[in-house]
Amino acid sequence: MRAIRHIDVNRRCQKSSICRQVQGAPPLDLSIKRFALNNGTVSVHDEAALRPVDVGLQKLAVTLNDFLTLAHTPAHYTLNTDFKDGAGSLGASGDVGLATKTASAKLDLKSLKLPLIQPYIDTATAAQVTDGALYANVNVGANWSKSPAAVTVSDSQLDLQSLKLAARGSKDSLVSLAQGHVALKQVDVAARTADTS
């Protein structure tokens, strides 16, 4: 019969200088009083979809104020950008706290051209989006201090304009929607519940 040898990992680690350095290392203490980026440009080539997608951001402006990794007071951020080729614009603002593990975001999406999402839904539908624009005002809150993380959406609305769907390879519209509106009163992602109208 083979004897089973018990190894005290903690005891061995206490004798190691490397382990002592890791265990005794203080948490990262990083502070940013103010960060600003103006008139930035970002180009992304995404091959995760069924077909490659080239996405670009123009006139990108980002600010971050009073960011502290160890503080319980949240930092405030803003982001504003246009999508390339006049495909819409996005504004975002909110707070984030790493110590409290919470974040909030108010998103303002204007005139996002829906044909841009076609490569991402190719495997889900035989239809193709030939026209349409999405407008959205969304309030998101997140708390990852517990498991599962809590993500909620509240007092938000989505609007569709001039949506047109056609069969793959055809220009003739099968579905045409002049305008659509959805109000999200409360959505709890973890609980998979939604109150809409």
N, C-alpha and C. Protein backbone atom coordinates (compact mmCIF):
# COMPACT_ATOMS: atom_id res chain seq x y z
N MET A 1 0.85 -1.18 0.00
CA MET A 1 0.00 0.00 0.00
C MET A 1 0.89 1.23 0.00
N ARG A 2 0.56 2.18 -0.88
CA ARG A 2 1.36 3.41 -0.98
C ARG A 2 0.90 4.41 0.07
N ALA A 3 1.84 5.01 0.70
CA ALA A 3 1.51 6.02 1.70
C ALA A 3 1.20 7.34 1.00
N ILE A 4 0.20 8.02 1.49
CA ILE A 4 -0.16 9.32 0.92
C ILE A 4 0.54 10.40 1.72
N ARG A 5 1.31 11.18 1.02
CA ARG A 5 2.08 12.23 1.69
C ARG A 5 1.31 13.54 1.64
N HIS A 6 1.04 14.10 2.79
CA HIS A 6 0.32 15.37 2.88
C HIS A 6 1.34 16.51 2.84
N ILE A 7 1.06 17.48 1.97
CA ILE A 7 1.96 18.63 1.81
C ILE A 7 1.27 19.87 2.32
N ASP A 8 1.89 20.54 3.25
CA ASP A 8 1.36 21.79 3.78
C ASP A 8 1.83 22.93 2.88
N VAL A 9 0.96 23.30 1.94
CA VAL A 9 1.35 24.33 0.97
C VAL A 9 1.59 25.67 1.65
N ASN A 10 0.73 26.01 2.62
CA ASN A 10 0.89 27.30 3.30
C ASN A 10 2.21 27.37 4.05
N ARG A 11 2.60 26.25 4.67
CA ARG A 11 3.85 26.25 5.43
C ARG A 11 5.04 26.41 4.50
N ARG A 12 4.98 25.71 3.35
CA ARG A 12 6.07 25.83 2.39
C ARG A 12 6.14 27.25 1.84
N CYS A 13 4.95 27.85 1.60
CA CYS A 13 4.91 29.20 1.03
C CYS A 13 5.50 30.21 2.01
N GLN A 14 5.30 30.00 3.32
CA GLN A 14 5.83 30.91 4.31
C GLN A 14 7.35 30.94 4.29
N LYS A 15 7.96 29.83 3.86
CA LYS A 15 9.41 29.77 3.83
C LYS A 15 9.99 30.37 2.55
N SER A 16 9.12 30.65 1.59
CA SER A 16 9.57 31.18 0.31
C SER A 16 9.51 32.70 0.32
N SER A 17 10.61 33.35 -0.07
CA SER A 17 10.64 34.81 -0.10
C SER A 17 9.70 35.35 -1.16
N ILE A 18 9.52 34.61 -2.26
CA ILE A 18 8.62 35.07 -3.33
C ILE A 18 7.19 35.09 -2.82
N CYS A 19 6.78 34.02 -2.12
CA CYS A 19 5.43 33.97 -1.59
C CYS A 19 5.19 35.09 -0.60
N ARG A 20 6.19 35.37 0.25
CA ARG A 20 6.03 36.43 1.23
C ARG A 20 5.85 37.78 0.54
N GLN A 21 6.57 37.98 -0.56
CA GLN A 21 6.45 39.24 -1.28
C GLN A 21 5.07 39.39 -1.90
N VAL A 22 4.54 38.29 -2.48
CA VAL A 22 3.23 38.34 -3.11
C VAL A 22 2.14 38.54 -2.08
N GLN A 23 2.21 37.76 -0.97
CA GLN A 23 1.19 37.86 0.06
C GLN A 23 1.21 39.22 0.75
N GLY A 24 2.37 39.79 0.88
CA GLY A 24 2.48 41.06 1.58
C GLY A 24 2.41 42.28 0.68
N ALA A 25 2.21 42.08 -0.62
CA ALA A 25 2.18 43.21 -1.55
C ALA A 25 0.92 44.04 -1.32
N PRO A 26 1.07 45.34 -1.21
CA PRO A 26 -0.11 46.20 -1.02
C PRO A 26 -0.91 46.29 -2.32
N PRO A 27 -2.20 46.58 -2.23
CA PRO A 27 -3.02 46.72 -3.45
C PRO A 27 -2.56 47.94 -4.26
N LEU A 28 -2.84 47.89 -5.54
CA LEU A 28 -2.47 48.98 -6.43
C LEU A 28 -3.15 50.27 -6.00
N ASP A 29 -2.36 51.29 -5.80
CA ASP A 29 -2.88 52.61 -5.41
C ASP A 29 -2.61 53.58 -6.55
N LEU A 30 -3.60 53.74 -7.41
CA LEU A 30 -3.48 54.60 -8.58
C LEU A 30 -4.51 55.70 -8.50
N SER A 31 -4.09 56.92 -8.75
CA SER A 31 -5.02 58.04 -8.74
C SER A 31 -4.83 58.89 -10.00
N ILE A 32 -5.94 59.29 -10.59
CA ILE A 32 -5.95 60.16 -11.76
C ILE A 32 -6.89 61.30 -11.45
N LYS A 33 -6.36 62.48 -11.29
CA LYS A 33 -7.20 63.65 -10.99
C LYS A 33 -8.06 64.01 -12.18
N ARG A 34 -7.43 64.12 -13.35
CA ARG A 34 -8.20 64.44 -14.55
C ARG A 34 -7.48 63.89 -15.78
N PHE A 35 -8.24 63.18 -16.60
CA PHE A 35 -7.75 62.68 -17.88
C PHE A 35 -8.70 63.16 -18.97
N ALA A 36 -8.15 63.63 -20.08
CA ALA A 36 -8.98 64.10 -21.18
C ALA A 36 -8.37 63.69 -22.52
N LEU A 37 -9.22 63.21 -23.39
CA LEU A 37 -8.83 62.87 -24.75
C LEU A 37 -9.79 63.59 -25.68
N ASN A 38 -9.24 64.32 -26.65
CA ASN A 38 -10.09 65.10 -27.55
C ASN A 38 -9.80 64.77 -29.00
N ASN A 39 -10.88 64.74 -29.80
CA ASN A 39 -10.79 64.57 -31.24
C ASN A 39 -10.01 63.32 -31.64
N GLY A 40 -10.28 62.22 -30.95
CA GLY A 40 -9.59 60.96 -31.24
C GLY A 40 -10.25 60.20 -32.38
N THR A 41 -9.49 59.27 -32.93
CA THR A 41 -9.99 58.39 -34.00
C THR A 41 -9.60 56.96 -33.67
N VAL A 42 -10.56 56.05 -33.80
CA VAL A 42 -10.32 54.64 -33.54
C VAL A 42 -10.86 53.83 -34.71
N SER A 43 -10.04 52.92 -35.21
CA SER A 43 -10.47 52.01 -36.28
C SER A 43 -10.35 50.58 -35.79
N VAL A 44 -11.41 49.79 -35.99
CA VAL A 44 -11.44 48.41 -35.51
C VAL A 44 -11.81 47.49 -36.67
N HIS A 45 -11.02 46.45 -36.86
CA HIS A 45 -11.33 45.41 -37.84
C HIS A 45 -11.72 44.16 -37.06
N ASP A 46 -13.01 43.82 -37.08
CA ASP A 46 -13.55 42.74 -36.26
C ASP A 46 -13.85 41.53 -37.14
N GLU A 47 -13.19 40.40 -36.85
CA GLU A 47 -13.42 39.17 -37.59
C GLU A 47 -14.19 38.14 -36.76
N ALA A 48 -14.80 38.60 -35.65
CA ALA A 48 -15.56 37.68 -34.81
C ALA A 48 -16.91 37.34 -35.43
N ALA A 49 -17.43 38.24 -36.26
CA ALA A 49 -18.71 37.98 -36.92
C ALA A 49 -18.52 37.03 -38.10
N LEU A 50 -19.63 36.66 -38.72
CA LEU A 50 -19.57 35.74 -39.84
C LEU A 50 -18.78 36.34 -41.00
N ARG A 51 -18.89 37.66 -41.13
CA ARG A 51 -18.12 38.40 -42.14
C ARG A 51 -17.32 39.48 -41.42
N PRO A 52 -16.13 39.82 -41.90
CA PRO A 52 -15.35 40.88 -41.25
C PRO A 52 -16.11 42.21 -41.23
N VAL A 53 -15.93 42.93 -40.13
CA VAL A 53 -16.61 44.22 -39.95
C VAL A 53 -15.56 45.27 -39.64
N ASP A 54 -15.62 46.39 -40.34
CA ASP A 54 -14.75 47.52 -40.07
C ASP A 54 -15.58 48.61 -39.41
N VAL A 55 -15.21 48.94 -38.19
CA VAL A 55 -15.94 49.95 -37.42
C VAL A 55 -14.97 51.08 -37.09
N GLY A 56 -15.46 52.30 -37.19
CA GLY A 56 -14.61 53.44 -36.89
C GLY A 56 -15.30 54.45 -36.00
N LEU A 57 -14.54 55.05 -35.11
CA LEU A 57 -15.03 56.12 -34.27
C LEU A 57 -14.29 57.40 -34.64
N GLN A 58 -15.03 58.50 -34.71
CA GLN A 58 -14.45 59.79 -35.06
C GLN A 58 -14.88 60.83 -34.02
N LYS A 59 -14.08 61.86 -33.90
CA LYS A 59 -14.37 62.94 -32.93
C LYS A 59 -14.55 62.37 -31.53
N LEU A 60 -13.72 61.40 -31.20
CA LEU A 60 -13.82 60.74 -29.90
C LEU A 60 -13.31 61.66 -28.79
N ALA A 61 -14.15 61.88 -27.79
CA ALA A 61 -13.77 62.70 -26.64
C ALA A 61 -14.08 61.92 -25.36
N VAL A 62 -13.08 61.80 -24.49
CA VAL A 62 -13.23 61.04 -23.25
C VAL A 62 -12.68 61.85 -22.10
N THR A 63 -13.39 61.86 -20.99
CA THR A 63 -12.88 62.49 -19.77
C THR A 63 -13.03 61.51 -18.60
N LEU A 64 -12.10 61.60 -17.65
CA LEU A 64 -12.15 60.81 -16.42
C LEU A 64 -11.68 61.70 -15.29
N ASN A 65 -12.50 61.84 -14.26
CA ASN A 65 -12.18 62.73 -13.15
C ASN A 65 -12.20 62.00 -11.81
N ASP A 66 -11.19 62.30 -11.00
CA ASP A 66 -11.12 61.80 -9.61
C ASP A 66 -11.17 60.28 -9.52
N PHE A 67 -10.36 59.64 -10.35
CA PHE A 67 -10.28 58.18 -10.33
C PHE A 67 -9.26 57.73 -9.29
N LEU A 68 -9.70 56.90 -8.36
CA LEU A 68 -8.84 56.36 -7.30
C LEU A 68 -9.16 54.88 -7.14
N THR A 69 -8.15 54.04 -7.23
CA THR A 69 -8.41 52.60 -7.14
C THR A 69 -8.83 52.17 -5.74
N LEU A 70 -8.42 52.90 -4.73
CA LEU A 70 -8.72 52.49 -3.35
C LEU A 70 -9.82 53.30 -2.70
N ALA A 71 -10.29 54.34 -3.36
CA ALA A 71 -11.29 55.22 -2.74
C ALA A 71 -12.69 54.65 -2.91
N HIS A 72 -13.54 54.95 -1.95
CA HIS A 72 -14.94 54.53 -2.03
C HIS A 72 -15.79 55.58 -2.73
N THR A 73 -15.19 56.72 -3.04
CA THR A 73 -15.90 57.75 -3.81
C THR A 73 -15.73 57.43 -5.29
N PRO A 74 -16.81 57.33 -6.04
CA PRO A 74 -16.69 56.93 -7.45
C PRO A 74 -16.11 58.03 -8.32
N ALA A 75 -15.44 57.62 -9.37
CA ALA A 75 -14.93 58.54 -10.37
C ALA A 75 -16.03 58.82 -11.40
N HIS A 76 -15.93 59.96 -12.05
CA HIS A 76 -16.92 60.33 -13.06
C HIS A 76 -16.27 60.30 -14.43
N TYR A 77 -16.98 59.80 -15.42
CA TYR A 77 -16.44 59.73 -16.78
C TYR A 77 -17.48 60.20 -17.80
N THR A 78 -16.98 60.64 -18.94
CA THR A 78 -17.85 60.96 -20.08
C THR A 78 -17.20 60.42 -21.34
N LEU A 79 -18.01 60.11 -22.32
CA LEU A 79 -17.54 59.67 -23.63
C LEU A 79 -18.51 60.16 -24.68
N ASN A 80 -17.98 60.77 -25.73
CA ASN A 80 -18.79 61.21 -26.86
C ASN A 80 -18.04 60.89 -28.15
N THR A 81 -18.76 60.33 -29.12
CA THR A 81 -18.10 59.98 -30.38
C THR A 81 -19.13 59.87 -31.50
N ASP A 82 -18.65 60.01 -32.71
CA ASP A 82 -19.43 59.75 -33.91
C ASP A 82 -18.92 58.47 -34.54
N PHE A 83 -19.82 57.68 -35.11
CA PHE A 83 -19.39 56.52 -35.90
C PHE A 83 -19.04 56.99 -37.30
N LYS A 84 -18.07 56.33 -37.89
CA LYS A 84 -17.60 56.77 -39.20
C LYS A 84 -18.70 56.62 -40.26
N ASP A 85 -18.55 57.36 -41.33
CA ASP A 85 -19.48 57.33 -42.47
C ASP A 85 -20.89 57.75 -42.08
N GLY A 86 -21.00 58.61 -41.07
CA GLY A 86 -22.31 59.11 -40.68
C GLY A 86 -23.26 58.05 -40.15
N ALA A 87 -22.69 57.01 -39.51
CA ALA A 87 -23.50 55.88 -39.06
C ALA A 87 -24.12 56.08 -37.69
N GLY A 88 -24.03 57.28 -37.12
CA GLY A 88 -24.65 57.55 -35.84
C GLY A 88 -23.67 58.14 -34.85
N SER A 89 -24.14 58.32 -33.63
CA SER A 89 -23.29 58.88 -32.58
C SER A 89 -23.65 58.26 -31.24
N LEU A 90 -22.71 58.34 -30.32
CA LEU A 90 -22.89 57.77 -28.99
C LEU A 90 -22.36 58.72 -27.94
N GLY A 91 -23.17 58.96 -26.93
CA GLY A 91 -22.74 59.71 -25.76
C GLY A 91 -22.93 58.86 -24.52
N ALA A 92 -21.99 58.93 -23.60
CA ALA A 92 -22.09 58.15 -22.37
C ALA A 92 -21.51 58.95 -21.21
N SER A 93 -22.11 58.79 -20.06
CA SER A 93 -21.58 59.41 -18.85
C SER A 93 -22.00 58.57 -17.66
N GLY A 94 -21.23 58.66 -16.59
CA GLY A 94 -21.57 57.88 -15.41
C GLY A 94 -20.46 57.89 -14.39
N ASP A 95 -20.57 56.96 -13.46
CA ASP A 95 -19.61 56.84 -12.36
C ASP A 95 -19.10 55.41 -12.28
N VAL A 96 -17.87 55.27 -11.78
CA VAL A 96 -17.30 53.95 -11.58
C VAL A 96 -16.44 53.95 -10.32
N GLY A 97 -16.61 52.91 -9.51
CA GLY A 97 -15.81 52.78 -8.29
C GLY A 97 -15.22 51.39 -8.20
N LEU A 98 -13.91 51.29 -8.26
CA LEU A 98 -13.27 49.97 -8.20
C LEU A 98 -13.32 49.39 -6.79
N ALA A 99 -13.18 50.25 -5.79
CA ALA A 99 -13.21 49.75 -4.41
C ALA A 99 -14.60 49.26 -4.04
N THR A 100 -15.62 49.96 -4.49
CA THR A 100 -17.00 49.56 -4.18
C THR A 100 -17.54 48.56 -5.19
N LYS A 101 -16.80 48.39 -6.31
CA LYS A 101 -17.19 47.46 -7.38
C LYS A 101 -18.59 47.79 -7.92
N THR A 102 -18.77 49.06 -8.23
CA THR A 102 -20.03 49.53 -8.80
C THR A 102 -19.75 50.45 -9.98
N ALA A 103 -20.73 50.53 -10.86
CA ALA A 103 -20.62 51.44 -12.01
C ALA A 103 -22.01 51.80 -12.48
N SER A 104 -22.09 52.96 -13.11
CA SER A 104 -23.35 53.40 -13.71
C SER A 104 -23.04 54.02 -15.06
N ALA A 105 -24.03 53.99 -15.94
CA ALA A 105 -23.84 54.57 -17.27
C ALA A 105 -25.17 55.09 -17.79
N LYS A 106 -25.14 56.27 -18.35
CA LYS A 106 -26.28 56.83 -19.07
C LYS A 106 -25.85 56.92 -20.52
N LEU A 107 -26.50 56.12 -21.38
CA LEU A 107 -26.11 56.02 -22.79
C LEU A 107 -27.12 56.75 -23.65
N ASP A 108 -26.60 57.52 -24.60
CA ASP A 108 -27.44 58.25 -25.55
C ASP A 108 -26.97 57.91 -26.96
N LEU A 109 -27.70 57.00 -27.59
CA LEU A 109 -27.35 56.53 -28.93
C LEU A 109 -28.29 57.19 -29.93
N LYS A 110 -27.70 57.79 -30.95
CA LYS A 110 -28.50 58.50 -31.94
C LYS A 110 -28.21 58.00 -33.34
N SER A 111 -29.27 57.65 -34.05
CA SER A 111 -29.22 57.35 -35.48
C SER A 111 -28.18 56.29 -35.85
N LEU A 112 -28.12 55.20 -35.06
CA LEU A 112 -27.24 54.10 -35.41
C LEU A 112 -27.81 53.37 -36.61
N LYS A 113 -27.06 53.31 -37.69
CA LYS A 113 -27.53 52.67 -38.91
C LYS A 113 -27.57 51.15 -38.71
N LEU A 114 -28.76 50.58 -38.75
CA LEU A 114 -28.94 49.16 -38.44
C LEU A 114 -28.29 48.19 -39.42
N PRO A 115 -28.12 48.52 -40.69
CA PRO A 115 -27.41 47.57 -41.57
C PRO A 115 -26.00 47.23 -41.08
N LEU A 116 -25.44 48.05 -40.19
CA LEU A 116 -24.11 47.75 -39.64
C LEU A 116 -24.09 46.46 -38.83
N ILE A 117 -25.23 46.10 -38.23
CA ILE A 117 -25.25 44.91 -37.37
C ILE A 117 -25.49 43.63 -38.15
N GLN A 118 -25.73 43.72 -39.46
CA GLN A 118 -26.08 42.55 -40.25
C GLN A 118 -25.08 41.40 -40.11
N PRO A 119 -23.77 41.64 -40.17
CA PRO A 119 -22.82 40.51 -40.04
C PRO A 119 -22.95 39.76 -38.72
N TYR A 120 -23.45 40.43 -37.67
CA TYR A 120 -23.57 39.79 -36.36
C TYR A 120 -24.84 38.96 -36.23
N ILE A 121 -25.81 39.16 -37.12
CA ILE A 121 -27.06 38.40 -37.03
C ILE A 121 -27.24 37.47 -38.23
N ASP A 122 -26.23 37.35 -39.08
CA ASP A 122 -26.33 36.48 -40.25
C ASP A 122 -26.67 35.04 -39.88
N THR A 123 -26.11 34.55 -38.78
CA THR A 123 -26.35 33.16 -38.39
C THR A 123 -27.67 32.98 -37.67
N ALA A 124 -28.31 34.07 -37.27
CA ALA A 124 -29.55 33.98 -36.50
C ALA A 124 -30.80 34.12 -37.35
N THR A 125 -30.67 34.70 -38.53
CA THR A 125 -31.85 34.93 -39.36
C THR A 125 -31.49 34.88 -40.84
N ALA A 126 -32.48 34.49 -41.64
CA ALA A 126 -32.29 34.49 -43.09
C ALA A 126 -32.61 35.84 -43.69
N ALA A 127 -33.15 36.73 -42.87
CA ALA A 127 -33.48 38.07 -43.35
C ALA A 127 -32.26 38.97 -43.28
N GLN A 128 -32.31 40.05 -44.02
CA GLN A 128 -31.24 41.04 -43.94
C GLN A 128 -31.85 42.42 -43.68
N VAL A 129 -31.15 43.21 -42.88
CA VAL A 129 -31.58 44.56 -42.58
C VAL A 129 -31.07 45.47 -43.68
N THR A 130 -32.00 46.06 -44.44
CA THR A 130 -31.59 46.92 -45.55
C THR A 130 -31.64 48.39 -45.21
N ASP A 131 -32.39 48.74 -44.15
CA ASP A 131 -32.48 50.15 -43.76
C ASP A 131 -32.97 50.23 -42.33
N GLY A 132 -32.81 51.38 -41.75
CA GLY A 132 -33.31 51.60 -40.40
C GLY A 132 -32.28 52.24 -39.51
N ALA A 133 -32.77 52.90 -38.47
CA ALA A 133 -31.89 53.57 -37.51
C ALA A 133 -32.41 53.32 -36.10
N LEU A 134 -31.50 53.22 -35.16
CA LEU A 134 -31.84 52.98 -33.76
C LEU A 134 -31.44 54.18 -32.92
N TYR A 135 -32.37 54.60 -32.08
CA TYR A 135 -32.13 55.65 -31.09
C TYR A 135 -32.36 55.03 -29.72
N ALA A 136 -31.53 55.35 -28.76
CA ALA A 136 -31.69 54.76 -27.43
C ALA A 136 -31.20 55.70 -26.35
N ASN A 137 -31.98 55.75 -25.28
CA ASN A 137 -31.57 56.40 -24.04
C ASN A 137 -31.65 55.33 -22.96
N VAL A 138 -30.50 54.92 -22.45
CA VAL A 138 -30.44 53.77 -21.56
C VAL A 138 -29.68 54.12 -20.28
N ASN A 139 -30.25 53.73 -19.14
CA ASN A 139 -29.61 53.89 -17.84
C ASN A 139 -29.24 52.52 -17.30
N VAL A 140 -27.95 52.29 -17.10
CA VAL A 140 -27.46 50.98 -16.68
C VAL A 140 -26.73 51.12 -15.34
N GLY A 141 -26.97 50.17 -14.47
CA GLY A 141 -26.24 50.10 -13.20
C GLY A 141 -25.64 48.72 -13.02
N ALA A 142 -24.46 48.66 -12.44
CA ALA A 142 -23.79 47.37 -12.23
C ALA A 142 -23.14 47.33 -10.85
N ASN A 143 -23.23 46.15 -10.23
CA ASN A 143 -22.59 45.92 -8.94
C ASN A 143 -22.00 44.52 -8.97
N TRP A 144 -20.67 44.44 -9.01
CA TRP A 144 -20.00 43.14 -9.06
C TRP A 144 -19.29 42.82 -7.75
N SER A 145 -19.79 43.38 -6.66
CA SER A 145 -19.22 43.08 -5.35
C SER A 145 -19.71 41.73 -4.82
N LYS A 146 -20.72 41.18 -5.49
CA LYS A 146 -21.24 39.88 -5.10
C LYS A 146 -21.40 39.03 -6.34
N SER A 147 -21.67 37.75 -6.14
CA SER A 147 -21.86 36.84 -7.27
C SER A 147 -23.24 36.19 -7.18
N PRO A 148 -24.02 36.21 -8.26
CA PRO A 148 -23.65 36.80 -9.56
C PRO A 148 -23.72 38.32 -9.53
N ALA A 149 -23.02 38.93 -10.45
CA ALA A 149 -23.03 40.39 -10.52
C ALA A 149 -24.43 40.89 -10.84
N ALA A 150 -24.78 42.02 -10.27
CA ALA A 150 -26.10 42.61 -10.51
C ALA A 150 -25.98 43.67 -11.60
N VAL A 151 -26.74 43.48 -12.66
CA VAL A 151 -26.80 44.45 -13.76
C VAL A 151 -28.26 44.79 -13.99
N THR A 152 -28.57 46.09 -13.92
CA THR A 152 -29.95 46.52 -14.08
C THR A 152 -30.04 47.64 -15.12
N VAL A 153 -31.18 47.68 -15.78
CA VAL A 153 -31.50 48.76 -16.72
C VAL A 153 -32.80 49.38 -16.24
N SER A 154 -32.86 50.71 -16.16
CA SER A 154 -34.06 51.36 -15.67
C SER A 154 -34.35 52.64 -16.44
N ASP A 155 -35.64 53.00 -16.49
CA ASP A 155 -36.09 54.25 -17.10
C ASP A 155 -35.40 54.50 -18.44
N SER A 156 -35.53 53.55 -19.35
CA SER A 156 -34.84 53.63 -20.64
C SER A 156 -35.84 53.49 -21.77
N GLN A 157 -35.42 53.89 -22.96
CA GLN A 157 -36.29 53.75 -24.12
C GLN A 157 -35.48 53.49 -25.37
N LEU A 158 -36.08 52.70 -26.26
CA LEU A 158 -35.49 52.38 -27.55
C LEU A 158 -36.48 52.79 -28.63
N ASP A 159 -35.95 53.39 -29.69
CA ASP A 159 -36.79 53.82 -30.81
C ASP A 159 -36.19 53.35 -32.12
N LEU A 160 -37.03 52.77 -32.96
CA LEU A 160 -36.63 52.37 -34.31
C LEU A 160 -37.29 53.28 -35.32
N GLN A 161 -36.55 53.61 -36.36
CA GLN A 161 -37.12 54.41 -37.44
C GLN A 161 -36.77 53.79 -38.78
N SER A 162 -37.77 53.71 -39.63
CA SER A 162 -37.61 53.28 -41.02
C SER A 162 -36.94 51.91 -41.14
N LEU A 163 -37.35 50.96 -40.30
CA LEU A 163 -36.77 49.62 -40.36
C LEU A 163 -37.30 48.87 -41.58
N LYS A 164 -36.39 48.27 -42.34
CA LYS A 164 -36.77 47.47 -43.49
C LYS A 164 -35.98 46.17 -43.49
N LEU A 165 -36.71 45.05 -43.64
CA LEU A 165 -36.10 43.73 -43.70
C LEU A 165 -36.43 43.10 -45.04
N ALA A 166 -35.45 42.42 -45.61
CA ALA A 166 -35.64 41.75 -46.90
C ALA A 166 -35.05 40.36 -46.83
N ALA A 167 -35.46 39.52 -47.76
CA ALA A 167 -34.86 38.19 -47.87
C ALA A 167 -33.41 38.35 -48.31
N ARG A 168 -32.59 37.40 -47.89
CA ARG A 168 -31.17 37.47 -48.21
C ARG A 168 -30.96 37.56 -49.72
N GLY A 169 -30.23 38.58 -50.14
CA GLY A 169 -29.92 38.76 -51.55
C GLY A 169 -30.98 39.53 -52.32
N SER A 170 -32.05 39.95 -51.65
CA SER A 170 -33.12 40.69 -52.32
C SER A 170 -33.17 42.12 -51.79
N LYS A 171 -33.63 43.03 -52.64
CA LYS A 171 -33.80 44.42 -52.22
C LYS A 171 -35.25 44.74 -51.92
N ASP A 172 -36.15 43.80 -52.21
CA ASP A 172 -37.57 44.03 -51.95
C ASP A 172 -37.87 43.77 -50.48
N SER A 173 -38.48 44.75 -49.82
CA SER A 173 -38.75 44.65 -48.39
C SER A 173 -39.87 43.67 -48.09
N LEU A 174 -39.62 42.78 -47.16
CA LEU A 174 -40.65 41.88 -46.66
C LEU A 174 -41.35 42.48 -45.45
N VAL A 175 -40.59 43.21 -44.67
CA VAL A 175 -41.12 43.88 -43.47
C VAL A 175 -40.69 45.33 -43.51
N SER A 176 -41.64 46.21 -43.26
CA SER A 176 -41.33 47.64 -43.22
C SER A 176 -42.01 48.24 -42.00
N LEU A 177 -41.24 48.88 -41.16
CA LEU A 177 -41.76 49.49 -39.94
C LEU A 177 -41.34 50.95 -39.90
N ALA A 178 -42.32 51.86 -39.99
CA ALA A 178 -42.00 53.28 -40.01
C ALA A 178 -41.41 53.74 -38.68
N GLN A 179 -41.99 53.24 -37.59
CA GLN A 179 -41.52 53.67 -36.28
C GLN A 179 -41.90 52.64 -35.23
N GLY A 180 -41.00 52.41 -34.29
CA GLY A 180 -41.28 51.51 -33.18
C GLY A 180 -40.70 52.09 -31.90
N HIS A 181 -41.35 51.81 -30.78
CA HIS A 181 -40.92 52.37 -29.50
C HIS A 181 -41.07 51.33 -28.40
N VAL A 182 -40.04 51.19 -27.58
CA VAL A 182 -40.09 50.31 -26.41
C VAL A 182 -39.58 51.09 -25.20
N ALA A 183 -40.37 51.08 -24.14
CA ALA A 183 -39.96 51.70 -22.88
C ALA A 183 -39.57 50.60 -21.90
N LEU A 184 -38.38 50.72 -21.34
CA LEU A 184 -37.89 49.75 -20.36
C LEU A 184 -37.99 50.39 -18.97
N LYS A 185 -38.94 49.92 -18.18
CA LYS A 185 -39.08 50.47 -16.84
C LYS A 185 -38.02 49.90 -15.90
N GLN A 186 -37.86 48.58 -15.96
CA GLN A 186 -36.87 47.93 -15.10
C GLN A 186 -36.48 46.59 -15.70
N VAL A 187 -35.20 46.36 -15.87
CA VAL A 187 -34.69 45.08 -16.36
C VAL A 187 -33.61 44.60 -15.38
N ASP A 188 -33.76 43.38 -14.90
CA ASP A 188 -32.78 42.77 -14.00
C ASP A 188 -32.16 41.60 -14.77
N VAL A 189 -30.91 41.78 -15.19
CA VAL A 189 -30.27 40.79 -16.05
C VAL A 189 -30.06 39.47 -15.31
N ALA A 190 -29.59 39.52 -14.08
CA ALA A 190 -29.33 38.30 -13.32
C ALA A 190 -30.61 37.52 -13.05
N ALA A 191 -31.68 38.22 -12.74
CA ALA A 191 -32.96 37.57 -12.46
C ALA A 191 -33.74 37.24 -13.73
N ARG A 192 -33.28 37.78 -14.86
CA ARG A 192 -33.94 37.57 -16.14
C ARG A 192 -35.38 38.04 -16.12
N THR A 193 -35.57 39.23 -15.57
CA THR A 193 -36.91 39.81 -15.53
C THR A 193 -36.88 41.17 -16.20
N ALA A 194 -38.02 41.56 -16.79
CA ALA A 194 -38.10 42.85 -17.47
C ALA A 194 -39.51 43.39 -17.36
N ASP A 195 -39.60 44.69 -17.14
CA ASP A 195 -40.87 45.39 -17.11
C ASP A 195 -40.83 46.41 -18.24
N THR A 196 -41.58 46.15 -19.29
CA THR A 196 -41.53 47.01 -20.48
C THR A 196 -42.94 47.49 -20.82
N SER A 197 -42.97 48.48 -21.72
CA SER A 197 -44.28 48.95 -22.22
C SER A 197 -44.10 49.49 -23.63
